[in-house]
Protein backbone atom coordinates (compact mmCIF):
# COMPACT_ATOMS: atom_id res chain seq x y z
CA MET A 1 -26.54 3.06 36.86
CA VAL A 2 -23.44 0.85 36.90
CA ILE A 3 -24.61 -0.95 33.75
CA VAL A 4 -25.30 2.37 31.98
CA PHE A 5 -21.85 3.65 32.96
CA GLY A 6 -20.23 0.43 31.76
CA VAL A 7 -21.95 0.65 28.38
CA ALA A 8 -20.95 4.30 27.99
CA ALA A 9 -17.35 3.65 29.00
CA TRP A 10 -16.85 0.55 26.86
CA PRO A 11 -15.93 2.34 23.59
CA ILE A 12 -13.06 4.18 25.33
CA ALA A 13 -11.96 1.05 27.22
CA LYS A 14 -12.10 -0.97 24.01
CA ALA A 15 -10.01 1.64 22.19
CA HIS A 16 -7.32 1.36 24.85
CA VAL A 17 -7.33 -2.44 24.69
CA GLN A 18 -7.02 -2.15 20.91
CA ALA A 19 -4.12 0.25 21.41
CA VAL A 20 -2.33 -2.38 23.48
CA ALA A 21 -2.91 -4.92 20.71
CA VAL A 22 -1.52 -2.57 18.04
CA LEU A 23 1.54 -1.49 20.04
CA ASP A 24 2.44 -5.03 21.09
CA GLU A 25 1.98 -6.29 17.53
CA ILE A 26 4.25 -3.67 15.94
CA GLY A 27 6.70 -3.90 18.83
CA GLY A 28 7.11 -7.65 18.31
CA GLN A 29 5.69 -8.44 21.75
CA PRO A 30 3.14 -11.15 22.65
CA VAL A 31 -0.38 -9.71 22.50
CA PRO A 32 -2.17 -10.19 25.88
CA TRP A 33 -5.21 -12.44 26.01
CA ILE A 34 -7.64 -9.59 26.63
CA ALA A 35 -6.27 -7.65 23.65
CA ARG A 36 -6.69 -10.67 21.41
CA GLN A 37 -10.42 -10.58 22.17
CA VAL A 38 -10.83 -7.30 20.24
CA THR A 39 -8.94 -8.39 17.11
CA VAL A 40 -10.11 -10.16 13.96
CA PRO A 41 -8.39 -11.83 10.98
CA VAL A 42 -7.24 -9.52 8.18
CA THR A 43 -7.26 -9.92 4.42
CA THR A 44 -5.21 -7.80 2.02
CA GLN A 45 -5.57 -6.85 -1.59
CA ASP A 46 -3.28 -4.95 -3.93
CA LEU A 47 -4.94 -2.36 -6.12
CA SER A 48 -4.35 0.84 -8.04
CA PHE A 49 -6.43 3.95 -8.68
CA ALA A 50 -6.15 7.03 -10.87
CA VAL A 51 -5.45 10.48 -9.42
CA GLU A 52 -4.74 13.94 -10.76
CA ALA A 53 -1.04 14.79 -10.87
CA PRO A 54 1.04 17.73 -12.16
CA ALA A 55 1.82 15.77 -15.33
CA GLY A 56 -1.78 14.59 -15.77
CA ARG A 57 -3.65 11.51 -14.57
CA GLN A 58 -1.47 8.85 -12.99
CA MET A 59 -2.03 5.50 -11.34
CA VAL A 60 -1.25 5.08 -7.65
CA ARG A 61 -0.19 1.66 -6.42
CA ALA A 62 -1.78 0.77 -3.08
CA ARG A 63 -2.60 -2.03 -0.67
CA GLU A 64 -5.80 -2.38 1.33
CA TYR A 65 -6.06 -4.18 4.67
CA LEU A 66 -9.58 -5.35 5.47
CA PRO A 67 -10.90 -6.63 8.82
CA GLN A 68 -12.87 -9.78 8.10
CA GLY A 69 -16.58 -9.59 8.71
CA ASN A 70 -16.78 -5.79 8.67
CA ALA A 71 -17.42 -4.51 5.15
CA ASN A 72 -18.37 -1.08 6.51
CA ALA A 73 -15.36 -0.65 8.79
CA PRO A 74 -14.21 2.93 9.44
CA ALA A 75 -11.41 3.96 7.10
CA MET A 76 -7.86 5.23 7.50
CA VAL A 77 -5.15 6.02 4.97
CA VAL A 78 -1.55 5.43 6.12
CA PHE A 79 1.34 6.99 4.19
CA HIS A 80 4.84 5.55 4.39
CA GLY A 81 7.95 7.53 5.21
CA VAL A 82 11.10 8.02 3.15
CA HIS A 83 12.07 4.45 2.36
CA HIS A 84 12.86 2.65 -0.89
CA LEU A 85 10.48 -0.22 -0.06
CA GLY A 86 7.46 2.09 -0.02
CA ILE A 87 4.29 0.20 0.88
CA ASP A 88 6.29 -3.03 1.15
CA GLU A 89 8.32 -1.73 4.10
CA PRO A 90 7.83 -4.34 6.88
CA ARG A 91 7.13 -1.87 9.71
CA LEU A 92 4.42 -0.16 7.67
CA MET A 93 2.86 -3.48 6.73
CA GLY A 94 2.90 -4.61 10.36
CA PHE A 95 1.23 -1.43 11.56
CA ALA A 96 -1.44 -1.48 8.83
CA ARG A 97 -2.25 -5.12 9.57
CA ALA A 98 -2.40 -4.44 13.32
CA MET A 99 -4.81 -1.52 12.83
CA ALA A 100 -6.97 -3.58 10.48
CA SER A 101 -7.12 -6.43 12.97
CA CYS A 102 -8.77 -3.99 15.36
CA GLY A 103 -11.55 -3.17 12.92
CA ILE A 104 -10.10 -0.36 10.78
CA ARG A 105 -10.14 -0.52 6.98
CA VAL A 106 -6.62 0.62 6.08
CA LEU A 107 -5.29 1.85 2.74
CA THR A 108 -1.55 2.31 2.16
CA PRO A 109 -0.91 4.22 -1.09
CA GLU A 110 2.60 4.45 -2.49
CA LEU A 111 4.27 7.84 -2.89
CA PRO A 112 6.84 7.47 -5.71
CA GLY A 113 8.72 10.63 -4.76
CA ILE A 114 8.97 9.73 -1.07
CA LYS A 115 9.94 6.19 -2.03
CA ASP A 116 12.89 7.61 -3.97
CA TYR A 117 13.97 9.94 -1.12
CA HIS A 118 12.43 13.08 -2.62
CA VAL A 119 10.13 15.18 -0.43
CA GLY A 120 8.19 17.41 -2.81
CA LYS A 121 4.90 19.01 -3.79
CA GLU A 122 3.90 16.09 -5.99
CA SER A 123 3.58 13.93 -2.87
CA VAL A 124 1.30 16.51 -1.23
CA GLN A 125 -1.03 16.21 -4.20
CA THR A 126 -0.92 12.41 -4.18
CA ILE A 127 -1.76 12.41 -0.46
CA GLY A 128 -4.74 14.71 -0.99
CA GLU A 129 -5.96 12.80 -4.03
CA SER A 130 -5.58 9.43 -2.25
CA ALA A 131 -7.58 10.62 0.76
CA SER A 132 -10.28 11.93 -1.60
CA TRP A 133 -10.39 8.64 -3.53
CA PHE A 134 -10.69 6.52 -0.39
CA ALA A 135 -13.33 8.86 1.07
CA GLY A 136 -15.33 8.28 -2.12
CA GLN A 137 -14.93 4.52 -1.77
CA THR A 138 -15.92 4.40 1.90
CA GLY A 139 -18.66 7.02 1.95
CA GLY A 140 -17.16 9.77 4.09
CA PRO A 141 -14.05 11.52 5.39
CA VAL A 142 -11.14 9.26 6.33
CA GLY A 143 -8.48 9.38 8.99
CA VAL A 144 -5.04 10.10 7.54
CA MET A 145 -1.80 9.01 9.16
CA GLY A 146 1.59 10.14 7.87
CA LEU A 147 4.91 8.70 8.99
CA SER A 148 7.99 10.91 9.14
CA PHE A 149 8.03 13.54 6.36
CA SER A 150 4.70 12.22 5.01
CA GLY A 151 3.02 13.44 8.20
CA GLY A 152 4.01 17.03 7.50
CA LEU A 153 2.94 16.68 3.87
CA ALA A 154 -0.43 15.28 5.01
CA LEU A 155 -0.98 18.42 7.08
CA VAL A 156 -0.17 20.57 4.04
CA ALA A 157 -2.72 18.57 2.01
CA ALA A 158 -5.35 18.85 4.76
CA ALA A 159 -4.96 22.64 4.72
CA ASP A 160 -5.80 22.73 1.00
CA PRO A 161 -9.52 23.61 0.52
CA LYS A 162 -9.61 21.15 -2.39
CA TYR A 163 -8.97 18.20 -0.05
CA GLN A 164 -9.91 19.38 3.44
CA ALA A 165 -13.41 17.91 3.52
CA ASN A 166 -12.07 14.39 2.94
CA PHE A 167 -9.81 14.42 6.03
CA LYS A 168 -11.51 13.22 9.22
CA PHE A 169 -8.27 13.81 11.14
CA VAL A 170 -4.51 13.84 10.61
CA PHE A 171 -2.17 11.73 12.74
CA ALA A 172 1.44 12.84 12.17
CA VAL A 173 4.24 10.67 13.59
CA GLY A 174 7.79 12.05 13.81
CA SER A 175 6.98 14.81 11.34
CA GLN A 176 8.33 18.22 10.35
CA ASP A 177 6.83 21.66 10.79
CA SER A 178 9.50 23.52 8.79
CA MET A 179 11.48 21.67 6.11
CA LEU A 180 13.99 24.52 6.09
CA ARG A 181 14.56 24.31 9.84
CA VAL A 182 15.02 20.52 9.69
CA ALA A 183 17.51 20.89 6.81
CA GLN A 184 19.50 23.39 8.83
CA TYR A 185 19.40 21.03 11.83
CA TYR A 186 21.23 18.41 9.75
CA LEU A 187 24.19 20.79 9.56
CA SER A 188 24.09 22.32 13.03
CA GLY A 189 22.63 19.63 15.31
CA ARG A 190 20.47 22.39 16.83
CA ASP A 191 16.73 22.94 16.47
CA PRO A 192 15.08 25.86 18.31
CA ARG A 193 11.93 25.22 20.31
CA PRO A 194 8.95 27.62 20.48
CA ASP A 195 9.89 28.65 24.04
CA GLY A 196 13.29 29.94 22.85
CA SER A 197 15.33 27.01 24.15
CA ILE A 198 17.42 24.90 21.78
CA GLU A 199 17.15 21.17 21.21
CA VAL A 200 20.72 19.93 20.80
CA LEU A 201 21.06 16.45 19.35
CA PRO A 202 23.68 15.03 16.94
CA PRO A 203 21.77 14.46 13.68
CA HIS A 204 21.71 11.10 11.96
CA GLU A 205 23.96 10.97 8.88
CA TYR A 206 20.92 9.88 6.89
CA GLY A 207 19.40 13.37 6.91
CA ALA A 208 22.30 15.11 5.19
CA LEU A 209 22.62 12.25 2.69
CA VAL A 210 18.96 12.59 1.72
CA LEU A 211 19.50 16.33 1.17
CA GLU A 212 22.48 15.55 -1.06
CA TYR A 213 20.51 12.99 -3.04
CA GLU A 214 17.59 15.37 -3.52
CA HIS A 215 19.78 18.26 -4.69
CA LEU A 216 22.55 16.31 -6.36
CA GLU A 217 22.43 18.50 -9.47
CA ASP A 218 23.73 21.36 -7.27
CA LEU A 219 26.62 19.30 -5.92
CA VAL A 220 28.26 17.51 -8.87
CA PRO A 221 28.80 18.34 -12.56
CA ALA A 222 25.96 17.40 -14.92
CA GLN A 223 28.01 14.71 -16.67
CA ASP A 224 28.58 12.93 -13.34
CA LEU A 225 24.98 12.96 -12.10
CA GLY A 226 23.97 9.48 -13.25
CA PRO A 227 26.97 7.51 -11.99
CA VAL A 228 27.24 9.36 -8.66
CA ARG A 229 23.48 9.18 -8.09
CA ALA A 230 23.61 5.40 -8.53
CA VAL A 231 26.22 5.12 -5.77
CA LEU A 232 24.40 7.44 -3.40
CA ARG A 233 21.07 5.71 -4.05
CA ALA A 234 22.53 2.28 -3.26
CA HIS A 235 24.09 3.71 -0.09
CA LEU A 236 20.73 5.09 1.06
CA TYR A 237 19.06 1.81 0.18
CA GLU A 238 21.72 0.07 2.33
CA ASP A 239 22.55 -2.24 -0.57
CA LYS A 240 26.30 -2.74 -0.16
CA THR A 241 26.60 -5.08 -3.14
CA VAL A 242 25.02 -2.63 -5.58
CA GLU A 243 26.95 0.25 -4.01
CA SER A 244 30.26 -1.57 -4.56
CA GLU A 245 29.35 -2.39 -8.16
CA ALA A 246 28.28 1.19 -8.87
CA THR A 247 31.48 2.54 -7.31
CA LEU A 248 33.60 0.33 -9.58
CA GLY A 249 32.02 2.06 -12.57
CA LEU A 250 33.16 5.55 -11.49
CA ASN A 251 36.11 7.35 -12.99
CA ASP A 252 38.65 9.02 -10.69
CA ALA A 253 36.87 12.39 -10.58
CA GLN A 254 33.50 10.79 -9.87
CA ARG A 255 35.01 8.57 -7.21
CA GLY A 256 36.35 11.64 -5.44
CA GLU A 257 32.96 13.37 -5.67
CA ALA A 258 31.16 10.35 -4.24
CA ARG A 259 33.72 10.01 -1.44
CA ASN A 260 33.26 13.67 -0.48
CA LEU A 261 29.48 13.35 -0.50
CA MET A 262 29.62 10.35 1.81
CA ASN A 263 31.67 12.35 4.31
CA THR A 264 29.01 14.86 5.31
CA ARG A 265 31.32 16.34 7.97
CA LEU A 266 33.82 17.71 5.46
CA PRO A 267 33.75 21.54 5.56
CA ALA A 268 33.50 21.75 1.76
CA THR A 269 30.65 19.23 1.68
CA ARG A 270 28.77 21.03 4.44
CA ALA A 271 29.20 24.35 2.67
CA ALA A 272 27.83 22.87 -0.54
CA ILE A 273 24.82 21.43 1.28
CA ALA A 274 24.19 24.78 2.98
CA ALA A 275 24.24 26.52 -0.40
CA ALA A 276 21.76 23.98 -1.81
CA ILE A 277 19.45 24.50 1.19
CA ALA A 278 19.46 28.26 0.59
CA ARG A 279 18.93 27.83 -3.15
CA HIS A 280 15.82 25.70 -2.61
CA ALA A 281 14.38 27.60 0.36
CA ASP A 282 11.16 28.49 -1.47
CA GLU A 283 10.55 24.82 -2.28
CA SER A 284 11.00 23.95 1.40
CA VAL A 285 8.42 26.54 2.43
CA ALA A 286 5.91 25.14 -0.08
CA ILE A 287 5.98 21.69 1.58
CA SER A 288 6.01 22.83 5.22
CA PRO A 289 2.98 22.90 7.55
CA GLN A 290 4.45 26.06 9.10
CA GLY A 291 2.28 29.04 8.19
CA ARG A 292 -0.73 26.87 7.33
CA LEU A 293 -1.66 25.37 10.70
CA LYS A 294 -3.36 28.41 12.24
CA ILE A 295 -6.17 28.17 9.69
CA LEU A 296 -6.44 24.38 9.70
CA ARG A 297 -9.94 23.06 10.42
CA THR A 298 -9.08 19.39 10.75
CA PRO A 299 -8.50 17.52 14.05
CA VAL A 300 -4.79 16.75 14.53
CA TYR A 301 -2.88 14.23 16.64
CA LEU A 302 0.89 14.65 16.97
CA LEU A 303 3.33 11.96 18.16
CA HIS A 304 7.12 12.24 18.26
CA GLY A 305 10.06 10.33 19.66
CA GLU A 306 11.93 12.29 22.30
CA ALA A 307 15.38 11.30 20.97
CA ASP A 308 14.49 11.49 17.26
CA ASN A 309 17.67 12.55 15.43
CA ILE A 310 16.18 12.43 11.91
CA ILE A 311 13.36 14.92 12.53
CA PRO A 312 13.86 16.46 16.00
CA SER A 313 10.93 16.52 18.41
CA ALA A 314 11.07 20.33 18.56
CA GLU A 315 9.18 20.19 15.24
CA THR A 316 6.12 18.68 16.93
CA LEU A 317 6.30 21.38 19.62
CA TRP A 318 6.22 24.00 16.87
CA MET A 319 3.18 22.40 15.25
CA ALA A 320 1.39 22.14 18.59
CA SER A 321 2.06 25.83 19.26
CA GLN A 322 0.52 26.90 15.94
CA LEU A 323 -2.59 24.72 15.71
CA PRO A 324 -5.96 26.10 16.83
CA GLN A 325 -6.78 24.85 20.31
CA ASP A 326 -9.96 23.17 19.12
CA GLU A 327 -8.12 21.22 16.41
CA LEU A 328 -5.12 19.95 18.41
CA LYS A 329 -6.64 16.86 19.98
CA ALA A 330 -3.46 15.37 21.47
CA ALA A 331 0.31 15.81 21.29
CA LEU A 332 2.90 13.53 22.85
CA VAL A 333 6.70 13.56 22.79
CA SER A 334 7.57 10.09 24.05
CA PRO A 335 10.84 8.51 25.22
CA VAL A 336 9.40 5.14 24.12
CA LEU A 337 9.97 6.08 20.47
CA SER A 338 13.10 6.86 18.47
CA HIS A 339 12.06 8.17 15.03
CA ILE A 340 9.08 6.01 14.10
CA ASP A 341 10.21 2.85 15.90
CA LEU A 342 9.25 1.45 19.29
CA ASP A 343 12.87 0.63 20.07
CA ASN A 344 14.04 2.90 22.86
CA ALA A 345 15.35 0.95 25.83
CA LYS A 346 13.59 0.51 29.18
CA PRO A 347 10.70 2.98 29.05
CA GLY A 348 9.02 3.79 32.35
CA ALA A 349 5.56 2.48 33.17
CA MET A 350 4.01 5.94 32.93
CA ASP A 351 5.67 6.53 29.56
CA GLU A 352 4.21 3.27 28.29
CA TRP A 353 0.78 4.20 29.63
CA ARG A 354 0.90 7.64 27.98
CA LEU A 355 1.66 5.99 24.64
CA VAL A 356 -1.15 3.45 25.11
CA HIS A 357 -3.55 6.26 26.02
CA PHE A 358 -2.47 8.27 22.97
CA PHE A 359 -3.07 5.32 20.65
CA GLY A 360 -6.37 4.73 22.40
CA LEU A 361 -7.41 8.22 21.34
CA ILE A 362 -6.38 7.42 17.77
CA MET A 363 -8.40 4.19 17.74
CA ASP A 364 -11.41 6.02 19.14
CA ALA A 365 -11.09 8.80 16.56
CA ALA A 366 -10.73 6.29 13.72
CA GLU A 367 -13.85 4.40 14.75
CA ARG A 368 -16.08 7.42 15.19
CA ARG A 369 -18.46 8.08 12.29
């Protein structure tokens, strides 16, 4: 009886040990000896594949992480967040490699819009098409993980009947339920929760700057778009050298426009952002999981940092409140996380265990056929 129980319990125990290996690896911590026993070497290959896009067929750049010795490893697609490095972003690469070392075949496709700080419908289609392509390559539905805004877009794609059958599950990390509500949070620092309470948290400057960059045509004259966009892009990319060079090329009027955009607390700047949010409200609705989750027939796992000031954790509470009970497999708002980083100071032992257990569930779900 003990042997039978041990055999039955091993897959869950192994998943939790793998979770420790993944979390320690991406957190820059030494991986314990026991966790090293469930990992394997990883090889990578860069590739591209064709997908349907609004403008016709397009090629998607991607990278595949393969666990050595397991050609039939279960598959997962991981989508990067809003970052100019795309699939070359070090945190994404570290996570993909850590997952692959635990026996998961990982694909990281690049989302050109998200890479250039634009959250739009074209990325929803690329997510759905990428999941469908990888499902065709691996012989069945694939797990899909989306970081930051890509997590919300992955849920929108999973709700589309065209793509739904290719999603084994969706794992959304630090993601939005309502793009409109998140945009309004950037101006108010307040995000309502489903229970009627208000999450109050000073928003990161980054959020308002991304809104400005996305809707720049609403904020500066047409003739100034190119020069001002170059400055704002370099600022978002945190490239001070390029930002300084681009600023030197501005005329006086453009320099004033760029200066005002950088100061997102100016009343005039905030009013302009608010007007742009209202003008593009329909676009925000089209890329929000809100309103689609009640009919979703895909297992969902939701993880959010408690002190996330880019996408507040109230958004995960909203998603959890809307998903069918049978499809919401796990939801965790954790003080161990900030936005998508394991960098919050001095987490408690129980908080660490809850995060390990959550990732154990993800590893188990990924490995199930």
